[in-house]
Amino acid sequence: MSMRRAWLRHGLGIGLLGLGALPATAQDLLTVWRAAEQHDRTLAVARAEHAAAQTKREQAEALWRPNVMLGLGAGLGASDTRMKGAQFSAPGFGTSEGVDFATSVHAGLATRANLIAQQPLVNRGREAARAQLELGAEMGDTAWRAARNELLLRTAERYFALAVAQEQLRVTERQAESVARATTEAHDRFELGDVPVTDTHEADAALAGVRAQVEAARLQRDLTRQSLADSTGLPLPVAQLPAQTQALGESLQAWIDAAQAANPQVQLAAHGVRMAEQELRKRRAGDSVSVDLVAQAGFDRLGGRGEFGSASNRNANAMVGVQVNIPCTTAA
């Protein structure tokens, strides 16, 4: 398949050099290719899959964006706090030892709010996941190129098949004209008594045979034309072999090297190997240390009536710092 694509690529280049000599009634290969690119259903599916694969690049970038979470809660709560043997001091009251404090809320309204922002700094698992998503987008690009190459191959084959069929029909029709003239001459000579009647029979049989060849060539032309029309949407496509060609001065080894370097299937296989490597890296990352930059703020409130009358407890906290996550156990 690699050699076939390389030869086709160079063959198309040769064909395109001669398209300037085509008559106005024939569609050139570039026009037919553009029509097939817009009409082919298989390529339309590949185009949609390629567009879907491009979203993986955005997903890869999103893995390293900060995560912000806001939590809100409300409900029925209760609290009972007792402290004994505390030391109390205040201006004008001096210092007292063995002081007891007690608060309680039997059934009150409890509200809670917390805001957490987390930015990954070191995370091998995320790095591997990002690499996989980027590889997935690259595989989408490669698959899209492969689909376009496949369509180009099919279109070129159908185009040149039609050109050959048309040329074959033209040659066969000219042969039929020559045989018809020879048949007419045989009949005229028979009328003059110059040839036996068997010559006219042979001439008629030859004419019938070549006319059958004409009909077969016309049928082949119609079939190849319909095949090209179905793939391009052109109602009556007309193709023609290029009148001028130019040899490409490249060796067979150069074609082989170009095919190996640019072949989409080879590239897809290489991407698959890299994808497997990143999957292994991601699984191993579960045992590695991760570091996050964390900022959080929280507020809790509980108010209501308790054992000592009305009471209200409030608690607010905030923190900015670095969080290190160290796995202590590993999966079997």
C-alpha atoms as a PDB file:
ATOM      1  CA  MET A   1       0.000   0.000   0.000  1.00  0.00           C
ATOM      2  CA  SER A   2       2.891   2.381   0.711  1.00  0.00           C
ATOM      3  CA  MET A   3       4.429   1.862  -2.735  1.00  0.00           C
ATOM      4  CA  ARG A   4       1.025   2.145  -4.340  1.00  0.00           C
ATOM      5  CA  ARG A   5       0.389   5.506  -2.704  1.00  0.00           C
ATOM      6  CA  ALA A   6       3.822   6.823  -3.680  1.00  0.00           C
ATOM      7  CA  TRP A   7       3.379   5.776  -7.303  1.00  0.00           C
ATOM      8  CA  LEU A   8      -0.113   7.239  -7.346  1.00  0.00           C
ATOM      9  CA  ARG A   9       1.154  10.525  -5.923  1.00  0.00           C
ATOM     10  CA  HIS A  10       3.788  10.819  -8.632  1.00  0.00           C
ATOM     11  CA  GLY A  11       1.354   9.606 -11.278  1.00  0.00           C
ATOM     12  CA  LEU A  12      -1.107  12.296 -10.264  1.00  0.00           C
ATOM     13  CA  GLY A  13       1.650  14.853 -10.545  1.00  0.00           C
ATOM     14  CA  ILE A  14       2.382  13.661 -14.076  1.00  0.00           C
ATOM     15  CA  GLY A  15      -1.323  13.772 -14.920  1.00  0.00           C
ATOM     16  CA  LEU A  16      -1.782  17.280 -13.558  1.00  0.00           C
ATOM     17  CA  LEU A  17       1.060  18.552 -15.757  1.00  0.00           C
ATOM     18  CA  GLY A  18      -0.924  17.622 -18.841  1.00  0.00           C
ATOM     19  CA  LEU A  19      -4.332  18.905 -17.782  1.00  0.00           C
ATOM     20  CA  GLY A  20      -3.765  22.178 -19.629  1.00  0.00           C
ATOM     21  CA  ALA A  21      -4.109  20.295 -22.901  1.00  0.00           C
ATOM     22  CA  LEU A  22      -7.587  18.923 -22.095  1.00  0.00           C
ATOM     23  CA  PRO A  23     -10.520  20.181 -24.169  1.00  0.00           C
ATOM     24  CA  ALA A  24     -13.108  22.470 -22.632  1.00  0.00           C
ATOM     25  CA  THR A  25     -15.677  19.657 -22.518  1.00  0.00           C
ATOM     26  CA  ALA A  26     -13.595  17.508 -20.128  1.00  0.00           C
ATOM     27  CA  GLN A  27     -13.374  18.031 -16.381  1.00  0.00           C
ATOM     28  CA  ASP A  28      -9.799  18.060 -15.162  1.00  0.00           C
ATOM     29  CA  LEU A  29      -8.723  15.860 -12.269  1.00  0.00           C
ATOM     30  CA  LEU A  30      -8.572  18.766  -9.827  1.00  0.00           C
ATOM     31  CA  THR A  31     -12.200  19.710 -10.538  1.00  0.00           C
ATOM     32  CA  VAL A  32     -13.328  16.116 -10.127  1.00  0.00           C
ATOM     33  CA  TRP A  33     -11.357  15.790  -6.882  1.00  0.00           C
ATOM     34  CA  ARG A  34     -12.937  18.930  -5.422  1.00  0.00           C
ATOM     35  CA  ALA A  35     -16.397  17.656  -6.324  1.00  0.00           C
ATOM     36  CA  ALA A  36     -15.670  14.288  -4.711  1.00  0.00           C
ATOM     37  CA  GLU A  37     -14.349  15.995  -1.573  1.00  0.00           C
ATOM     38  CA  GLN A  38     -17.687  17.774  -1.102  1.00  0.00           C
ATOM     39  CA  HIS A  39     -19.902  14.857  -2.137  1.00  0.00           C
ATOM     40  CA  ASP A  40     -18.304  11.712  -0.698  1.00  0.00           C
ATOM     41  CA  ARG A  41     -20.172  10.420   2.370  1.00  0.00           C
ATOM     42  CA  THR A  42     -17.255   8.459   3.779  1.00  0.00           C
ATOM     43  CA  LEU A  43     -15.136  11.600   3.792  1.00  0.00           C
ATOM     44  CA  ALA A  44     -17.990  13.510   5.450  1.00  0.00           C
ATOM     45  CA  VAL A  45     -17.914  11.012   8.327  1.00  0.00           C
ATOM     46  CA  ALA A  46     -14.131  11.331   8.545  1.00  0.00           C
ATOM     47  CA  ARG A  47     -14.476  15.129   8.591  1.00  0.00           C
ATOM     48  CA  ALA A  48     -16.869  14.963  11.545  1.00  0.00           C
ATOM     49  CA  GLU A  49     -14.581  12.564  13.418  1.00  0.00           C
ATOM     50  CA  HIS A  50     -11.648  14.898  12.781  1.00  0.00           C
ATOM     51  CA  ALA A  51     -13.574  17.856  14.192  1.00  0.00           C
ATOM     52  CA  ALA A  52     -14.453  15.817  17.284  1.00  0.00           C
ATOM     53  CA  ALA A  53     -10.806  14.819  17.764  1.00  0.00           C
ATOM     54  CA  GLN A  54      -9.718  18.466  17.827  1.00  0.00           C
ATOM     55  CA  THR A  55     -11.582  18.999  21.116  1.00  0.00           C
ATOM     56  CA  LYS A  56      -8.984  16.769  22.785  1.00  0.00           C
ATOM     57  CA  ARG A  57      -6.447  19.588  22.548  1.00  0.00           C
ATOM     58  CA  GLU A  58      -8.752  21.823  24.599  1.00  0.00           C
ATOM     59  CA  GLN A  59      -9.245  18.993  27.085  1.00  0.00           C
ATOM     60  CA  ALA A  60      -5.461  18.614  27.383  1.00  0.00           C
ATOM     61  CA  GLU A  61      -5.081  22.306  28.198  1.00  0.00           C
ATOM     62  CA  ALA A  62      -7.951  22.158  30.686  1.00  0.00           C
ATOM     63  CA  LEU A  63      -6.173  19.490  32.756  1.00  0.00           C
ATOM     64  CA  TRP A  64      -3.699  22.108  34.043  1.00  0.00           C
ATOM     65  CA  ARG A  65      -6.173  24.888  34.678  1.00  0.00           C
ATOM     66  CA  PRO A  66      -7.095  25.730  38.310  1.00  0.00           C
ATOM     67  CA  ASN A  67     -10.028  23.878  39.833  1.00  0.00           C
ATOM     68  CA  VAL A  68     -12.390  26.116  41.808  1.00  0.00           C
ATOM     69  CA  MET A  69     -15.124  24.561  43.942  1.00  0.00           C
ATOM     70  CA  LEU A  70     -17.799  26.377  45.928  1.00  0.00           C
ATOM     71  CA  GLY A  71     -19.773  24.445  48.534  1.00  0.00           C
ATOM     72  CA  LEU A  72     -22.957  25.702  50.219  1.00  0.00           C
ATOM     73  CA  GLY A  73     -25.064  23.896  52.788  1.00  0.00           C
ATOM     74  CA  ALA A  74     -27.937  24.518  55.187  1.00  0.00           C
ATOM     75  CA  GLY A  75     -29.856  22.318  57.584  1.00  0.00           C
ATOM     76  CA  LEU A  76     -30.896  21.505  61.124  1.00  0.00           C
ATOM     77  CA  GLY A  77     -28.006  21.229  63.575  1.00  0.00           C
ATOM     78  CA  ALA A  78     -27.159  20.799  67.226  1.00  0.00           C
ATOM     79  CA  SER A  79     -24.066  21.550  69.305  1.00  0.00           C
ATOM     80  CA  ASP A  80     -22.951  21.065  72.909  1.00  0.00           C
ATOM     81  CA  THR A  81     -19.635  22.529  74.044  1.00  0.00           C
ATOM     82  CA  ARG A  82     -18.340  22.318  77.634  1.00  0.00           C
ATOM     83  CA  MET A  83     -14.959  23.358  78.970  1.00  0.00           C
ATOM     84  CA  LYS A  84     -13.716  23.009  82.580  1.00  0.00           C
ATOM     85  CA  GLY A  85     -10.616  24.210  84.355  1.00  0.00           C
ATOM     86  CA  ALA A  86      -9.890  27.045  81.950  1.00  0.00           C
ATOM     87  CA  GLN A  87      -8.089  30.235  82.830  1.00  0.00           C
ATOM     88  CA  PHE A  88      -9.910  33.489  82.236  1.00  0.00           C
ATOM     89  CA  SER A  89      -8.446  36.959  82.166  1.00  0.00           C
ATOM     90  CA  ALA A  90      -9.814  40.319  81.066  1.00  0.00           C
ATOM     91  CA  PRO A  91      -9.004  43.995  81.764  1.00  0.00           C
ATOM     92  CA  GLY A  92     -10.585  45.030  85.017  1.00  0.00           C
ATOM     93  CA  PHE A  93     -11.403  41.471  86.039  1.00  0.00           C
ATOM     94  CA  GLY A  94      -7.988  40.104  86.742  1.00  0.00           C
ATOM     95  CA  THR A  95      -7.218  36.437  86.215  1.00  0.00           C
ATOM     96  CA  SER A  96      -9.413  33.572  87.319  1.00  0.00           C
ATOM     97  CA  GLU A  97      -8.414  29.911  87.492  1.00  0.00           C
ATOM     98  CA  GLY A  98     -10.656  26.853  87.101  1.00  0.00           C
ATOM     99  CA  VAL A  99     -13.275  28.650  85.046  1.00  0.00           C
ATOM    100  CA  ASP A 100     -15.976  26.601  83.307  1.00  0.00           C
ATOM    101  CA  PHE A 101     -17.548  27.494  79.921  1.00  0.00           C
ATOM    102  CA  ALA A 102     -20.603  25.835  78.372  1.00  0.00           C
ATOM    103  CA  THR A 103     -22.771  26.520  75.316  1.00  0.00           C
ATOM    104  CA  SER A 104     -25.402  24.421  73.619  1.00  0.00           C
ATOM    105  CA  VAL A 105     -27.862  24.567  70.758  1.00  0.00           C
ATOM    106  CA  HIS A 106     -30.478  21.835  70.762  1.00  0.00           C
ATOM    107  CA  ALA A 107     -32.035  22.438  67.340  1.00  0.00           C
ATOM    108  CA  GLY A 108     -30.923  25.401  65.278  1.00  0.00           C
ATOM    109  CA  LEU A 109     -30.218  26.537  61.762  1.00  0.00           C
ATOM    110  CA  ALA A 110     -26.795  25.417  60.573  1.00  0.00           C
ATOM    111  CA  THR A 111     -25.237  27.056  57.483  1.00  0.00           C
ATOM    112  CA  ARG A 112     -21.920  26.315  55.835  1.00  0.00           C
ATOM    113  CA  ALA A 113     -19.950  27.806  52.949  1.00  0.00           C
ATOM    114  CA  ASN A 114     -16.513  26.910  51.661  1.00  0.00           C
ATOM    115  CA  LEU A 115     -14.453  27.932  48.648  1.00  0.00           C
ATOM    116  CA  ILE A 116     -11.463  25.878  47.438  1.00  0.00           C
ATOM    117  CA  ALA A 117      -9.104  26.719  44.567  1.00  0.00           C
ATOM    118  CA  GLN A 118      -6.517  24.124  43.546  1.00  0.00           C
ATOM    119  CA  GLN A 119      -3.767  24.472  40.937  1.00  0.00           C
ATOM    120  CA  PRO A 120      -1.736  21.348  40.048  1.00  0.00           C
ATOM    121  CA  LEU A 121       2.020  21.944  40.160  1.00  0.00           C
ATOM    122  CA  VAL A 122       3.475  18.446  39.890  1.00  0.00           C
ATOM    123  CA  ASN A 123       1.297  15.561  38.764  1.00  0.00           C
ATOM    124  CA  ARG A 124       2.641  12.783  36.559  1.00  0.00           C
ATOM    125  CA  GLY A 125      -0.782  11.304  36.023  1.00  0.00           C
ATOM    126  CA  ARG A 126      -2.090  14.570  34.587  1.00  0.00           C
ATOM    127  CA  GLU A 127       1.006  14.914  32.418  1.00  0.00           C
ATOM    128  CA  ALA A 128       0.417  11.460  30.952  1.00  0.00           C
ATOM    129  CA  ALA A 129      -3.287  12.177  30.445  1.00  0.00           C
ATOM    130  CA  ARG A 130      -2.461  15.431  28.666  1.00  0.00           C
ATOM    131  CA  ALA A 131       0.032  13.621  26.426  1.00  0.00           C
ATOM    132  CA  GLN A 132      -2.626  11.026  25.583  1.00  0.00           C
ATOM    133  CA  LEU A 133      -5.170  13.691  24.662  1.00  0.00           C
ATOM    134  CA  GLU A 134      -2.661  15.510  22.468  1.00  0.00           C
ATOM    135  CA  LEU A 135      -1.751  12.211  20.800  1.00  0.00           C
ATOM    136  CA  GLY A 136      -5.445  11.545  20.260  1.00  0.00           C
ATOM    137  CA  ALA A 137      -5.762  14.891  18.453  1.00  0.00           C
ATOM    138  CA  GLU A 138      -2.700  14.087  16.329  1.00  0.00           C
ATOM    139  CA  MET A 139      -4.172  10.690  15.482  1.00  0.00           C
ATOM    140  CA  GLY A 140      -7.337  12.480  14.402  1.00  0.00           C
ATOM    141  CA  ASP A 141      -5.263  14.669  12.060  1.00  0.00           C
ATOM    142  CA  THR A 142      -3.471  11.631  10.655  1.00  0.00           C
ATOM    143  CA  ALA A 143      -6.722   9.699  10.179  1.00  0.00           C
ATOM    144  CA  TRP A 144      -8.180  12.700   8.355  1.00  0.00           C
ATOM    145  CA  ARG A 145      -5.198  12.807   5.995  1.00  0.00           C
ATOM    146  CA  ALA A 146      -5.544   9.067   5.437  1.00  0.00           C
ATOM    147  CA  ALA A 147      -9.240   9.455   4.574  1.00  0.00           C
ATOM    148  CA  ARG A 148      -8.464  12.238   2.087  1.00  0.00           C
ATOM    149  CA  ASN A 149      -5.697  10.147   0.547  1.00  0.00           C
ATOM    150  CA  GLU A 150      -8.044   7.191   0.195  1.00  0.00           C
ATOM    151  CA  LEU A 151     -10.621   9.377  -1.529  1.00  0.00           C
ATOM    152  CA  LEU A 152      -7.961  10.866  -3.779  1.00  0.00           C
ATOM    153  CA  LEU A 153      -6.841   7.353  -4.703  1.00  0.00           C
ATOM    154  CA  ARG A 154     -10.385   6.198  -5.493  1.00  0.00           C
ATOM    155  CA  THR A 155     -11.177   9.355  -7.445  1.00  0.00           C
ATOM    156  CA  ALA A 156      -7.980   9.153  -9.506  1.00  0.00           C
ATOM    157  CA  GLU A 157      -8.580   5.493 -10.284  1.00  0.00           C
ATOM    158  CA  ARG A 158     -12.152   6.198 -11.420  1.00  0.00           C
ATOM    159  CA  TYR A 159     -11.111   9.278 -13.357  1.00  0.00           C
ATOM    160  CA  PHE A 160      -8.381   7.543 -15.337  1.00  0.00           C
ATOM    161  CA  ALA A 161     -10.562   4.439 -15.755  1.00  0.00           C
ATOM    162  CA  LEU A 162     -13.150   6.680 -17.417  1.00  0.00           C
ATOM    163  CA  ALA A 163     -10.470   8.329 -19.552  1.00  0.00           C
ATOM    164  CA  VAL A 164      -9.212   4.929 -20.718  1.00  0.00           C
ATOM    165  CA  ALA A 165     -12.768   3.698 -21.377  1.00  0.00           C
ATOM    166  CA  GLN A 166     -13.543   6.808 -23.440  1.00  0.00           C
ATOM    167  CA  GLU A 167     -10.340   6.415 -25.431  1.00  0.00           C
ATOM    168  CA  GLN A 168     -11.066   2.723 -25.969  1.00  0.00           C
ATOM    169  CA  LEU A 169     -14.537   3.591 -27.244  1.00  0.00           C
ATOM    170  CA  ARG A 170     -13.108   6.215 -29.600  1.00  0.00           C
ATOM    171  CA  VAL A 171     -10.565   3.785 -31.040  1.00  0.00           C
ATOM    172  CA  THR A 172     -13.159   1.030 -31.408  1.00  0.00           C
ATOM    173  CA  GLU A 173     -15.579   3.386 -33.186  1.00  0.00           C
ATOM    174  CA  ARG A 174     -12.853   4.368 -35.648  1.00  0.00           C
ATOM    175  CA  GLN A 175     -12.129   0.711 -36.237  1.00  0.00           C
ATOM    176  CA  ALA A 176     -15.839   0.151 -36.857  1.00  0.00           C
ATOM    177  CA  GLU A 177     -15.869   2.986 -39.397  1.00  0.00           C
ATOM    178  CA  SER A 178     -12.896   1.444 -41.208  1.00  0.00           C
ATOM    179  CA  VAL A 179     -14.499  -2.000 -41.218  1.00  0.00           C
ATOM    180  CA  ALA A 180     -17.803  -0.499 -42.449  1.00  0.00           C
ATOM    181  CA  ARG A 181     -16.010   1.141 -45.368  1.00  0.00           C
ATOM    182  CA  ALA A 182     -14.262  -2.160 -46.160  1.00  0.00           C
ATOM    183  CA  THR A 183     -17.623  -3.963 -46.020  1.00  0.00           C
ATOM    184  CA  THR A 184     -19.192  -1.458 -48.394  1.00  0.00           C
ATOM    185  CA  GLU A 185     -16.247  -1.886 -50.746  1.00  0.00           C
ATOM    186  CA  ALA A 186     -16.601  -5.693 -50.606  1.00  0.00           C
ATOM    187  CA  HIS A 187     -20.281  -5.444 -51.530  1.00  0.00           C
ATOM    188  CA  ASP A 188     -19.521  -3.033 -54.389  1.00  0.00           C
ATOM    189  CA  ARG A 189     -16.841  -5.312 -55.773  1.00  0.00           C
ATOM    190  CA  PHE A 190     -19.228  -8.268 -55.500  1.00  0.00           C
ATOM    191  CA  GLU A 191     -21.792  -6.327 -57.536  1.00  0.00           C
ATOM    192  CA  LEU A 192     -19.107  -5.829 -60.171  1.00  0.00           C
ATOM    193  CA  GLY A 193     -18.231  -9.516 -60.045  1.00  0.00           C
ATOM    194  CA  ASP A 194     -14.719  -8.838 -58.859  1.00  0.00           C
ATOM    195  CA  VAL A 195     -14.951 -10.946 -55.610  1.00  0.00           C
ATOM    196  CA  PRO A 196     -16.945 -14.023 -54.599  1.00  0.00           C
ATOM    197  CA  VAL A 197     -19.958 -13.789 -52.316  1.00  0.00           C
ATOM    198  CA  THR A 198     -17.988 -15.367 -49.461  1.00  0.00           C
ATOM    199  CA  ASP A 199     -15.943 -12.161 -49.190  1.00  0.00           C
ATOM    200  CA  THR A 200     -19.103 -10.191 -48.499  1.00  0.00           C
ATOM    201  CA  HIS A 201     -20.136 -12.674 -45.832  1.00  0.00           C
ATOM    202  CA  GLU A 202     -16.720 -12.379 -44.159  1.00  0.00           C
ATOM    203  CA  ALA A 203     -16.906  -8.593 -44.344  1.00  0.00           C
ATOM    204  CA  ASP A 204     -20.406  -8.589 -42.789  1.00  0.00           C
ATOM    205  CA  ALA A 205     -19.216 -10.885 -39.974  1.00  0.00           C
ATOM    206  CA  ALA A 206     -16.208  -8.671 -39.303  1.00  0.00           C
ATOM    207  CA  LEU A 207     -18.462  -5.604 -39.194  1.00  0.00           C
ATOM    208  CA  ALA A 208     -20.874  -7.302 -36.772  1.00  0.00           C
ATOM    209  CA  GLY A 209     -17.957  -8.280 -34.525  1.00  0.00           C
ATOM    210  CA  VAL A 210     -16.467  -4.806 -34.393  1.00  0.00           C
ATOM    211  CA  ARG A 211     -19.905  -3.280 -33.759  1.00  0.00           C
ATOM    212  CA  ALA A 212     -20.285  -5.645 -30.824  1.00  0.00           C
ATOM    213  CA  GLN A 213     -16.936  -4.412 -29.551  1.00  0.00           C
ATOM    214  CA  VAL A 214     -18.193  -0.842 -29.883  1.00  0.00           C
ATOM    215  CA  GLU A 215     -21.273  -1.625 -27.809  1.00  0.00           C
ATOM    216  CA  ALA A 216     -19.133  -3.355 -25.178  1.00  0.00           C
ATOM    217  CA  ALA A 217     -16.773  -0.363 -25.052  1.00  0.00           C
ATOM    218  CA  ARG A 218     -19.741   2.024 -24.786  1.00  0.00           C
ATOM    219  CA  LEU A 219     -21.197  -0.027 -21.922  1.00  0.00           C
ATOM    220  CA  GLN A 220     -17.854   0.015 -20.127  1.00  0.00           C
ATOM    221  CA  ARG A 221     -17.656   3.778 -20.657  1.00  0.00           C
ATOM    222  CA  ASP A 222     -21.146   4.280 -19.228  1.00  0.00           C
ATOM    223  CA  LEU A 223     -20.388   2.106 -16.186  1.00  0.00           C
ATOM    224  CA  THR A 224     -17.163   3.931 -15.349  1.00  0.00           C
ATOM    225  CA  ARG A 225     -18.852   7.304 -15.943  1.00  0.00           C
ATOM    226  CA  GLN A 226     -21.681   6.370 -13.578  1.00  0.00           C
ATOM    227  CA  SER A 227     -19.179   5.262 -10.935  1.00  0.00           C
ATOM    228  CA  LEU A 228     -17.388   8.602 -11.142  1.00  0.00           C
ATOM    229  CA  ALA A 229     -20.703  10.486 -11.154  1.00  0.00           C
ATOM    230  CA  ASP A 230     -21.873   8.688  -8.005  1.00  0.00           C
ATOM    231  CA  SER A 231     -18.685   9.623  -6.119  1.00  0.00           C
ATOM    232  CA  THR A 232     -18.509  13.251  -7.278  1.00  0.00           C
ATOM    233  CA  GLY A 233     -22.087  14.329  -7.870  1.00  0.00           C
ATOM    234  CA  LEU A 234     -21.197  15.479 -11.396  1.00  0.00           C
ATOM    235  CA  PRO A 235     -24.079  14.527 -13.744  1.00  0.00           C
ATOM    236  CA  LEU A 236     -22.046  13.481 -16.827  1.00  0.00           C
ATOM    237  CA  PRO A 237     -18.345  13.594 -15.995  1.00  0.00           C
ATOM    238  CA  VAL A 238     -15.937  13.552 -18.934  1.00  0.00           C
ATOM    239  CA  ALA A 239     -12.298  12.631 -18.428  1.00  0.00           C
ATOM    240  CA  GLN A 240      -9.343  12.477 -20.732  1.00  0.00           C
ATOM    241  CA  LEU A 241      -5.813  11.194 -20.551  1.00  0.00           C
ATOM    242  CA  PRO A 242      -3.240  14.021 -20.399  1.00  0.00           C
ATOM    243  CA  ALA A 243      -1.723  14.879 -23.750  1.00  0.00           C
ATOM    244  CA  GLN A 244       1.633  15.840 -22.247  1.00  0.00           C
ATOM    245  CA  THR A 245       3.624  14.145 -19.541  1.00  0.00           C
ATOM    246  CA  GLN A 246       6.844  14.964 -17.794  1.00  0.00           C
ATOM    247  CA  ALA A 247       8.971  12.317 -16.180  1.00  0.00           C
ATOM    248  CA  LEU A 248       9.887  12.892 -12.556  1.00  0.00           C
ATOM    249  CA  GLY A 249      13.565  12.384 -12.022  1.00  0.00           C
ATOM    250  CA  GLU A 250      13.365  10.411  -8.810  1.00  0.00           C
ATOM    251  CA  SER A 251      14.630   6.953  -8.119  1.00  0.00           C
ATOM    252  CA  LEU A 252      12.492   4.080  -6.897  1.00  0.00           C
ATOM    253  CA  GLN A 253      14.222   4.258  -3.499  1.00  0.00           C
ATOM    254  CA  ALA A 254      13.241   7.918  -3.188  1.00  0.00           C
ATOM    255  CA  TRP A 255       9.613   6.933  -3.751  1.00  0.00           C
ATOM    256  CA  ILE A 256       9.905   4.192  -1.124  1.00  0.00           C
ATOM    257  CA  ASP A 257      11.460   6.596   1.405  1.00  0.00           C
ATOM    258  CA  ALA A 258       8.767   9.200   0.761  1.00  0.00           C
ATOM    259  CA  ALA A 259       6.025   6.588   1.185  1.00  0.00           C
ATOM    260  CA  GLN A 260       7.459   5.341   4.470  1.00  0.00           C
ATOM    261  CA  ALA A 261       7.851   8.874   5.837  1.00  0.00           C
ATOM    262  CA  ALA A 262       4.400  10.161   4.871  1.00  0.00           C
ATOM    263  CA  ASN A 263       2.239   7.039   5.028  1.00  0.00           C
ATOM    264  CA  PRO A 264      -0.687   7.782   7.403  1.00  0.00           C
ATOM    265  CA  GLN A 265      -1.054   4.142   8.447  1.00  0.00           C
ATOM    266  CA  VAL A 266       2.586   4.029   9.568  1.00  0.00           C
ATOM    267  CA  GLN A 267       2.094   7.283  11.470  1.00  0.00           C
ATOM    268  CA  LEU A 268      -1.063   5.957  13.133  1.00  0.00           C
ATOM    269  CA  ALA A 269       0.814   2.846  14.256  1.00  0.00           C
ATOM    270  CA  ALA A 270       3.588   5.013  15.726  1.00  0.00           C
ATOM    271  CA  HIS A 271       1.000   7.131  17.547  1.00  0.00           C
ATOM    272  CA  GLY A 272      -0.555   3.946  18.930  1.00  0.00           C
ATOM    273  CA  VAL A 273       2.787   2.901  20.413  1.00  0.00           C
ATOM    274  CA  ARG A 274       3.217   6.315  22.038  1.00  0.00           C
ATOM    275  CA  MET A 275      -0.353   6.165  23.355  1.00  0.00           C
ATOM    276  CA  ALA A 276       0.363   2.827  25.037  1.00  0.00           C
ATOM    277  CA  GLU A 277       3.530   4.253  26.586  1.00  0.00           C
ATOM    278  CA  GLN A 278       1.587   7.176  28.060  1.00  0.00           C
ATOM    279  CA  GLU A 279      -1.072   4.793  29.410  1.00  0.00           C
ATOM    280  CA  LEU A 280       1.641   2.841  31.206  1.00  0.00           C
ATOM    281  CA  ARG A 281       3.091   6.079  32.522  1.00  0.00           C
ATOM    282  CA  LYS A 282      -0.334   7.178  33.789  1.00  0.00           C
ATOM    283  CA  ARG A 283      -0.865   3.901  35.640  1.00  0.00           C
ATOM    284  CA  ARG A 284       2.527   4.139  37.273  1.00  0.00           C
ATOM    285  CA  ALA A 285       1.788   7.733  38.313  1.00  0.00           C
ATOM    286  CA  GLY A 286      -0.691   6.467  40.906  1.00  0.00           C
ATOM    287  CA  ASP A 287       2.266   5.656  43.171  1.00  0.00           C
ATOM    288  CA  SER A 288       4.010   9.013  42.715  1.00  0.00           C
ATOM    289  CA  VAL A 289       3.880  12.207  44.774  1.00  0.00           C
ATOM    290  CA  SER A 290       1.764  15.113  43.510  1.00  0.00           C
ATOM    291  CA  VAL A 291       1.999  18.758  44.529  1.00  0.00           C
ATOM    292  CA  ASP A 292      -0.851  21.301  44.359  1.00  0.00           C
ATOM    293  CA  LEU A 293      -1.145  24.982  45.157  1.00  0.00           C
ATOM    294  CA  VAL A 294      -4.238  25.295  47.366  1.00  0.00           C
ATOM    295  CA  ALA A 295      -6.269  28.281  48.574  1.00  0.00           C
ATOM    296  CA  GLN A 296      -9.389  27.788  50.631  1.00  0.00           C
ATOM    297  CA  ALA A 297     -11.808  29.731  52.809  1.00  0.00           C
ATOM    298  CA  GLY A 298     -14.682  28.441  54.950  1.00  0.00           C
ATOM    299  CA  PHE A 299     -17.477  29.725  57.153  1.00  0.00           C
ATOM    300  CA  ASP A 300     -19.741  27.762  59.535  1.00  0.00           C
ATOM    301  CA  ARG A 301     -22.597  29.135  61.642  1.00  0.00           C
ATOM    302  CA  LEU A 302     -25.043  27.481  64.024  1.00  0.00           C
ATOM    303  CA  GLY A 303     -27.719  29.522  65.828  1.00  0.00           C
ATOM    304  CA  GLY A 304     -30.730  28.649  67.991  1.00  0.00           C
ATOM    305  CA  ARG A 305     -31.806  27.952  71.556  1.00  0.00           C
ATOM    306  CA  GLY A 306     -30.103  25.631  73.927  1.00  0.00           C
ATOM    307  CA  GLU A 307     -29.755  24.700  77.556  1.00  0.00           C
ATOM    308  CA  PHE A 308     -28.586  28.198  78.497  1.00  0.00           C
ATOM    309  CA  GLY A 309     -30.889  30.216  76.240  1.00  0.00           C
ATOM    310  CA  SER A 310     -30.157  31.643  72.823  1.00  0.00           C
ATOM    311  CA  ALA A 311     -26.755  30.782  71.418  1.00  0.00           C
ATOM    312  CA  SER A 312     -24.815  31.289  68.224  1.00  0.00           C
ATOM    313  CA  ASN A 313     -21.552  29.669  67.141  1.00  0.00           C
ATOM    314  CA  ARG A 314     -19.501  30.985  64.216  1.00  0.00           C
ATOM    315  CA  ASN A 315     -16.280  29.720  62.729  1.00  0.00           C
ATOM    316  CA  ALA A 316     -14.350  31.261  59.807  1.00  0.00           C
ATOM    317  CA  ASN A 317     -11.027  30.065  58.383  1.00  0.00           C
ATOM    318  CA  ALA A 318      -8.773  30.701  55.387  1.00  0.00           C
ATOM    319  CA  MET A 319      -5.542  29.174  54.114  1.00  0.00           C
ATOM    320  CA  VAL A 320      -3.147  29.544  51.165  1.00  0.00           C
ATOM    321  CA  GLY A 321      -0.295  27.124  50.739  1.00  0.00           C
ATOM    322  CA  VAL A 322       1.168  24.061  49.049  1.00  0.00           C
ATOM    323  CA  GLN A 323      -0.375  20.619  49.449  1.00  0.00           C
ATOM    324  CA  VAL A 324       1.735  17.485  48.988  1.00  0.00           C
ATOM    325  CA  ASN A 325      -0.078  14.199  48.378  1.00  0.00           C
ATOM    326  CA  ILE A 326       1.955  11.062  49.193  1.00  0.00           C
ATOM    327  CA  PRO A 327       0.364   7.667  48.467  1.00  0.00           C
ATOM    328  CA  CYS A 328       0.760   5.276  51.378  1.00  0.00           C
ATOM    329  CA  THR A 329      -0.669   2.143  49.756  1.00  0.00           C
ATOM    330  CA  THR A 330      -0.563   0.795  46.225  1.00  0.00           C
ATOM    331  CA  ALA A 331      -3.077  -1.273  44.332  1.00  0.00           C
ATOM    332  CA  ALA A 332      -2.217  -4.935  43.917  1.00  0.00           C
END
